[in-house]
């Protein structure tokens, strides 16, 4: 069991796609952090922003 996990983990780490996916995920977290820092998160404006984006995307998805 542990040998199977070790082999799969080493194969995942050695793949370039896995590393670039991780880098994109880190970049996305940094960008979201900057957005929250700039717009401020205390008054609920971030929640409203993402809620508005979500409803707009839902409406666009249901049209097409």
PDB file of N, CA and C in Angstrom:
ATOM      1  N   UNK A   1       0.828  -1.197   0.000  1.00  0.00           N
ATOM      2  CA  UNK A   1       0.000   0.000   0.000  1.00  0.00           C
ATOM      3  C   UNK A   1       0.869   1.256   0.000  1.00  0.00           C
ATOM      4  N   UNK A   2       1.838   1.294   0.925  1.00  0.00           N
ATOM      5  CA  UNK A   2       2.690   2.477   1.009  1.00  0.00           C
ATOM      6  C   UNK A   2       3.594   2.607  -0.205  1.00  0.00           C
ATOM      7  N   UNK A   3       3.998   1.487  -0.759  1.00  0.00           N
ATOM      8  CA  UNK A   3       4.825   1.526  -1.973  1.00  0.00           C
ATOM      9  C   UNK A   3       4.035   2.121  -3.136  1.00  0.00           C
ATOM     10  N   UNK A   4       2.766   1.766  -3.243  1.00  0.00           N
ATOM     11  CA  UNK A   4       1.891   2.304  -4.278  1.00  0.00           C
ATOM     12  C   UNK A   4       1.767   3.819  -4.126  1.00  0.00           C
ATOM     13  N   UNK A   5       1.537   4.283  -2.896  1.00  0.00           N
ATOM     14  CA  UNK A   5       1.424   5.727  -2.646  1.00  0.00           C
ATOM     15  C   UNK A   5       2.731   6.445  -2.948  1.00  0.00           C
ATOM     16  N   UNK A   6       3.849   5.841  -2.544  1.00  0.00           N
ATOM     17  CA  UNK A   6       5.144   6.463  -2.781  1.00  0.00           C
ATOM     18  C   UNK A   6       5.427   6.595  -4.271  1.00  0.00           C
ATOM     19  N   UNK A   7       5.128   5.560  -5.029  1.00  0.00           N
ATOM     20  CA  UNK A   7       5.365   5.596  -6.475  1.00  0.00           C
ATOM     21  C   UNK A   7       4.471   6.626  -7.155  1.00  0.00           C
ATOM     22  N   UNK A   8       3.201   6.676  -6.777  1.00  0.00           N
ATOM     23  CA  UNK A   8       2.292   7.645  -7.381  1.00  0.00           C
ATOM     24  C   UNK A   8       2.660   9.071  -6.993  1.00  0.00           C
ATOM     25  N   UNK A   9       3.059   9.272  -5.759  1.00  0.00           N
ATOM     26  CA  UNK A   9       3.454  10.610  -5.318  1.00  0.00           C
ATOM     27  C   UNK A   9       4.713  11.069  -6.040  1.00  0.00           C
ATOM     28  N   UNK A  10       5.688  10.187  -6.180  1.00  0.00           N
ATOM     29  CA  UNK A  10       6.913  10.576  -6.883  1.00  0.00           C
ATOM     30  C   UNK A  10       6.635  10.827  -8.365  1.00  0.00           C
ATOM     31  N   UNK A  11       5.716  10.064  -8.952  1.00  0.00           N
ATOM     32  CA  UNK A  11       5.355  10.302 -10.355  1.00  0.00           C
ATOM     33  C   UNK A  11       4.644  11.640 -10.505  1.00  0.00           C
ATOM     34  N   UNK A  12       3.780  11.970  -9.549  1.00  0.00           N
ATOM     35  CA  UNK A  12       3.071  13.250  -9.598  1.00  0.00           C
ATOM     36  C   UNK A  12       4.036  14.419  -9.453  1.00  0.00           C
ATOM     37  N   UNK A  13       4.974  14.311  -8.537  1.00  0.00           N
ATOM     38  CA  UNK A  13       5.928  15.387  -8.301  1.00  0.00           C
ATOM     39  C   UNK A  13       6.845  15.583  -9.501  1.00  0.00           C
ATOM     40  N   UNK A  14       7.192  14.502 -10.180  1.00  0.00           N
ATOM     41  CA  UNK A  14       8.112  14.611 -11.308  1.00  0.00           C
ATOM     42  C   UNK A  14       7.462  15.165 -12.569  1.00  0.00           C
ATOM     43  N   UNK A  15       6.130  15.184 -12.630  1.00  0.00           N
ATOM     44  CA  UNK A  15       5.446  15.705 -13.812  1.00  0.00           C
ATOM     45  C   UNK A  15       5.475  17.225 -13.810  1.00  0.00           C
ATOM     46  N   UNK A  16       5.741  17.795 -14.951  1.00  0.00           N
ATOM     47  CA  UNK A  16       5.737  19.253 -15.093  1.00  0.00           C
ATOM     48  C   UNK A  16       4.331  19.823 -14.959  1.00  0.00           C
ATOM     49  N   UNK A  17       3.318  19.109 -15.418  1.00  0.00           N
ATOM     50  CA  UNK A  17       1.956  19.615 -15.353  1.00  0.00           C
ATOM     51  C   UNK A  17       1.522  19.827 -13.904  1.00  0.00           C
ATOM     52  N   UNK A  18       1.918  18.935 -13.031  1.00  0.00           N
ATOM     53  CA  UNK A  18       1.563  19.059 -11.630  1.00  0.00           C
ATOM     54  C   UNK A  18       2.187  20.285 -10.996  1.00  0.00           C
ATOM     55  N   UNK A  19       3.423  20.546 -11.344  1.00  0.00           N
ATOM     56  CA  UNK A  19       4.107  21.706 -10.788  1.00  0.00           C
ATOM     57  C   UNK A  19       3.482  22.993 -11.303  1.00  0.00           C
ATOM     58  N   UNK A  20       3.178  23.065 -12.581  1.00  0.00           N
ATOM     59  CA  UNK A  20       2.596  24.285 -13.112  1.00  0.00           C
ATOM     60  C   UNK A  20       1.189  24.511 -12.568  1.00  0.00           C
ATOM     61  N   UNK A  21       0.449  23.436 -12.328  1.00  0.00           N
ATOM     62  CA  UNK A  21      -0.873  23.578 -11.724  1.00  0.00           C
ATOM     63  C   UNK A  21      -0.766  24.163 -10.335  1.00  0.00           C
ATOM     64  N   UNK A  22       0.216  23.696  -9.587  1.00  0.00           N
ATOM     65  CA  UNK A  22       0.440  24.231  -8.248  1.00  0.00           C
ATOM     66  C   UNK A  22       0.824  25.704  -8.317  1.00  0.00           C
ATOM     67  N   UNK A  23       1.642  26.056  -9.271  1.00  0.00           N
ATOM     68  CA  UNK A  23       2.035  27.458  -9.416  1.00  0.00           C
ATOM     69  C   UNK A  23       0.843  28.337  -9.764  1.00  0.00           C
ATOM     70  N   UNK A  24      -0.043  27.853 -10.632  1.00  0.00           N
ATOM     71  CA  UNK A  24      -1.249  28.615 -10.959  1.00  0.00           C
ATOM     72  C   UNK A  24      -2.160  28.765  -9.750  1.00  0.00           C
ATOM     73  N   UNK A  25      -2.257  27.728  -8.945  1.00  0.00           N
ATOM     74  CA  UNK A  25      -3.086  27.797  -7.743  1.00  0.00           C
ATOM     75  C   UNK A  25      -2.526  28.824  -6.761  1.00  0.00           C
ATOM     76  N   UNK A  26      -1.218  28.837  -6.587  1.00  0.00           N
ATOM     77  CA  UNK A  26      -0.590  29.816  -5.696  1.00  0.00           C
ATOM     78  C   UNK A  26      -0.795  31.218  -6.241  1.00  0.00           C
ATOM     79  N   UNK A  27      -0.649  31.391  -7.535  1.00  0.00           N
ATOM     80  CA  UNK A  27      -0.856  32.702  -8.148  1.00  0.00           C
ATOM     81  C   UNK A  27      -2.292  33.174  -7.951  1.00  0.00           C
ATOM     82  N   UNK A  28      -3.252  32.281  -8.102  1.00  0.00           N
ATOM     83  CA  UNK A  28      -4.657  32.645  -7.894  1.00  0.00           C
ATOM     84  C   UNK A  28      -4.905  33.079  -6.459  1.00  0.00           C
ATOM     85  N   UNK A  29      -4.307  32.385  -5.501  1.00  0.00           N
ATOM     86  CA  UNK A  29      -4.466  32.750  -4.091  1.00  0.00           C
ATOM     87  C   UNK A  29      -3.867  34.124  -3.824  1.00  0.00           C
ATOM     88  N   UNK A  30      -2.722  34.400  -4.410  1.00  0.00           N
ATOM     89  CA  UNK A  30      -2.085  35.711  -4.227  1.00  0.00           C
ATOM     90  C   UNK A  30      -2.951  36.815  -4.824  1.00  0.00           C
ATOM     91  N   UNK A  31      -3.493  36.588  -6.013  1.00  0.00           N
ATOM     92  CA  UNK A  31      -4.344  37.599  -6.655  1.00  0.00           C
ATOM     93  C   UNK A  31      -5.598  37.852  -5.825  1.00  0.00           C
ATOM     94  N   UNK A  32      -6.221  36.788  -5.331  1.00  0.00           N
ATOM     95  CA  UNK A  32      -7.403  36.961  -4.483  1.00  0.00           C
ATOM     96  C   UNK A  32      -7.044  37.700  -3.208  1.00  0.00           C
ATOM     97  N   UNK A  33      -5.889  37.398  -2.643  1.00  0.00           N
ATOM     98  CA  UNK A  33      -5.438  38.108  -1.450  1.00  0.00           C
ATOM     99  C   UNK A  33      -5.254  39.591  -1.697  1.00  0.00           C
ATOM    100  N   UNK A  34      -4.708  39.937  -2.842  1.00  0.00           N
ATOM    101  CA  UNK A  34      -4.524  41.351  -3.194  1.00  0.00           C
ATOM    102  C   UNK A  34      -5.879  42.036  -3.373  1.00  0.00           C
ATOM    103  N   UNK A  35      -6.810  41.357  -4.021  1.00  0.00           N
ATOM    104  CA  UNK A  35      -8.149  41.926  -4.204  1.00  0.00           C
ATOM    105  C   UNK A  35      -8.803  42.193  -2.860  1.00  0.00           C
ATOM    106  N   UNK A  36      -8.699  41.239  -1.954  1.00  0.00           N
ATOM    107  CA  UNK A  36      -9.291  41.410  -0.630  1.00  0.00           C
ATOM    108  C   UNK A  36      -8.603  42.549   0.115  1.00  0.00           C
ATOM    109  N   UNK A  37      -7.279  42.633   0.003  1.00  0.00           N
ATOM    110  CA  UNK A  37      -6.548  43.693   0.700  1.00  0.00           C
ATOM    111  C   UNK A  37      -6.898  45.069   0.150  1.00  0.00           C
ATOM    112  N   UNK A  38      -7.058  45.180  -1.168  1.00  0.00           N
ATOM    113  CA  UNK A  38      -7.347  46.477  -1.779  1.00  0.00           C
ATOM    114  C   UNK A  38      -8.788  46.913  -1.514  1.00  0.00           C
ATOM    115  N   UNK A  39      -9.724  45.995  -1.690  1.00  0.00           N
ATOM    116  CA  UNK A  39     -11.119  46.357  -1.541  1.00  0.00           C
ATOM    117  C   UNK A  39     -11.601  46.315  -0.102  1.00  0.00           C
ATOM    118  N   UNK A  40     -10.869  45.671   0.749  1.00  0.00           N
ATOM    119  CA  UNK A  40     -11.271  45.554   2.148  1.00  0.00           C
ATOM    120  C   UNK A  40     -12.320  44.494   2.318  1.00  0.00           C
ATOM    121  N   UNK A  41     -12.230  43.745   3.388  1.00  0.00           N
ATOM    122  CA  UNK A  41     -13.151  42.650   3.579  1.00  0.00           C
ATOM    123  C   UNK A  41     -14.070  42.823   4.769  1.00  0.00           C
ATOM    124  N   UNK A  42     -13.970  43.916   5.499  1.00  0.00           N
ATOM    125  CA  UNK A  42     -14.717  44.063   6.729  1.00  0.00           C
ATOM    126  C   UNK A  42     -16.173  44.426   6.562  1.00  0.00           C
ATOM    127  N   UNK A  43     -16.517  45.126   5.493  1.00  0.00           N
ATOM    128  CA  UNK A  43     -17.889  45.608   5.355  1.00  0.00           C
ATOM    129  C   UNK A  43     -18.758  44.731   4.453  1.00  0.00           C
ATOM    130  N   UNK A  44     -18.255  43.593   4.045  1.00  0.00           N
ATOM    131  CA  UNK A  44     -19.032  42.688   3.214  1.00  0.00           C
ATOM    132  C   UNK A  44     -18.996  43.013   1.738  1.00  0.00           C
ATOM    133  N   UNK A  45     -18.180  43.980   1.346  1.00  0.00           N
ATOM    134  CA  UNK A  45     -18.137  44.356  -0.068  1.00  0.00           C
ATOM    135  C   UNK A  45     -17.577  43.232  -0.933  1.00  0.00           C
ATOM    136  N   UNK A  46     -16.640  42.469  -0.394  1.00  0.00           N
ATOM    137  CA  UNK A  46     -16.089  41.340  -1.148  1.00  0.00           C
ATOM    138  C   UNK A  46     -17.175  40.294  -1.370  1.00  0.00           C
ATOM    139  N   UNK A  47     -17.962  40.033  -0.334  1.00  0.00           N
ATOM    140  CA  UNK A  47     -19.044  39.061  -0.460  1.00  0.00           C
ATOM    141  C   UNK A  47     -20.042  39.511  -1.516  1.00  0.00           C
ATOM    142  N   UNK A  48     -20.378  40.788  -1.503  1.00  0.00           N
ATOM    143  CA  UNK A  48     -21.311  41.319  -2.498  1.00  0.00           C
ATOM    144  C   UNK A  48     -20.719  41.231  -3.895  1.00  0.00           C
ATOM    145  N   UNK A  49     -19.427  41.530  -4.018  1.00  0.00           N
ATOM    146  CA  UNK A  49     -18.760  41.478  -5.320  1.00  0.00           C
ATOM    147  C   UNK A  49     -18.822  40.077  -5.904  1.00  0.00           C
ATOM    148  N   UNK A  50     -18.427  39.061  -5.116  1.00  0.00           N
ATOM    149  CA  UNK A  50     -18.433  37.697  -5.612  1.00  0.00           C
ATOM    150  C   UNK A  50     -19.853  37.179  -5.812  1.00  0.00           C
ATOM    151  N   UNK A  51     -20.784  37.631  -5.006  1.00  0.00           N
ATOM    152  CA  UNK A  51     -22.180  37.244  -5.185  1.00  0.00           C
ATOM    153  C   UNK A  51     -22.724  37.794  -6.500  1.00  0.00           C
ATOM    154  N   UNK A  52     -22.402  39.059  -6.794  1.00  0.00           N
ATOM    155  CA  UNK A  52     -22.831  39.659  -8.059  1.00  0.00           C
ATOM    156  C   UNK A  52     -22.199  38.951  -9.250  1.00  0.00           C
ATOM    157  N   UNK A  53     -20.905  38.631  -9.145  1.00  0.00           N
ATOM    158  CA  UNK A  53     -20.241  37.923 -10.236  1.00  0.00           C
ATOM    159  C   UNK A  53     -20.857  36.544 -10.430  1.00  0.00           C
ATOM    160  N   UNK A  54     -21.163  35.869  -9.328  1.00  0.00           N
ATOM    161  CA  UNK A  54     -21.755  34.541  -9.414  1.00  0.00           C
ATOM    162  C   UNK A  54     -23.121  34.582 -10.087  1.00  0.00           C
ATOM    163  N   UNK A  55     -23.953  35.539  -9.709  1.00  0.00           N
ATOM    164  CA  UNK A  55     -25.278  35.612 -10.320  1.00  0.00           C
ATOM    165  C   UNK A  55     -25.192  36.003 -11.785  1.00  0.00           C
ATOM    166  N   UNK A  56     -24.255  36.887 -12.133  1.00  0.00           N
ATOM    167  CA  UNK A  56     -24.069  37.271 -13.533  1.00  0.00           C
ATOM    168  C   UNK A  56     -23.613  36.079 -14.368  1.00  0.00           C
ATOM    169  N   UNK A  57     -22.666  35.292 -13.835  1.00  0.00           N
ATOM    170  CA  UNK A  57     -22.194  34.112 -14.557  1.00  0.00           C
ATOM    171  C   UNK A  57     -23.293  33.057 -14.675  1.00  0.00           C
ATOM    172  N   UNK A  58     -24.115  32.923 -13.644  1.00  0.00           N
ATOM    173  CA  UNK A  58     -25.221  31.967 -13.701  1.00  0.00           C
ATOM    174  C   UNK A  58     -26.232  32.360 -14.773  1.00  0.00           C
ATOM    175  N   UNK A  59     -26.531  33.658 -14.840  1.00  0.00           N
ATOM    176  CA  UNK A  59     -27.455  34.137 -15.861  1.00  0.00           C
ATOM    177  C   UNK A  59     -26.892  33.923 -17.254  1.00  0.00           C
ATOM    178  N   UNK A  60     -25.590  34.192 -17.420  1.00  0.00           N
ATOM    179  CA  UNK A  60     -24.953  34.010 -18.729  1.00  0.00           C
ATOM    180  C   UNK A  60     -24.931  32.540 -19.128  1.00  0.00           C
ATOM    181  N   UNK A  61     -24.730  31.668 -18.161  1.00  0.00           N
ATOM    182  CA  UNK A  61     -24.684  30.231 -18.457  1.00  0.00           C
ATOM    183  C   UNK A  61     -26.068  29.710 -18.842  1.00  0.00           C
ATOM    184  N   UNK A  62     -27.110  30.259 -18.230  1.00  0.00           N
ATOM    185  CA  UNK A  62     -28.445  29.764 -18.539  1.00  0.00           C
ATOM    186  C   UNK A  62     -28.947  30.281 -19.891  1.00  0.00           C
ATOM    187  N   UNK A  63     -28.385  31.390 -20.378  1.00  0.00           N
ATOM    188  CA  UNK A  63     -28.784  31.946 -21.676  1.00  0.00           C
ATOM    189  C   UNK A  63     -28.223  31.098 -22.808  1.00  0.00           C
ATOM    190  N   UNK A  64     -26.963  30.650 -22.665  1.00  0.00           N
ATOM    191  CA  UNK A  64     -26.350  29.896 -23.761  1.00  0.00           C
ATOM    192  C   UNK A  64     -26.597  28.439 -23.708  1.00  0.00           C
TER     193      UNK A  64
END
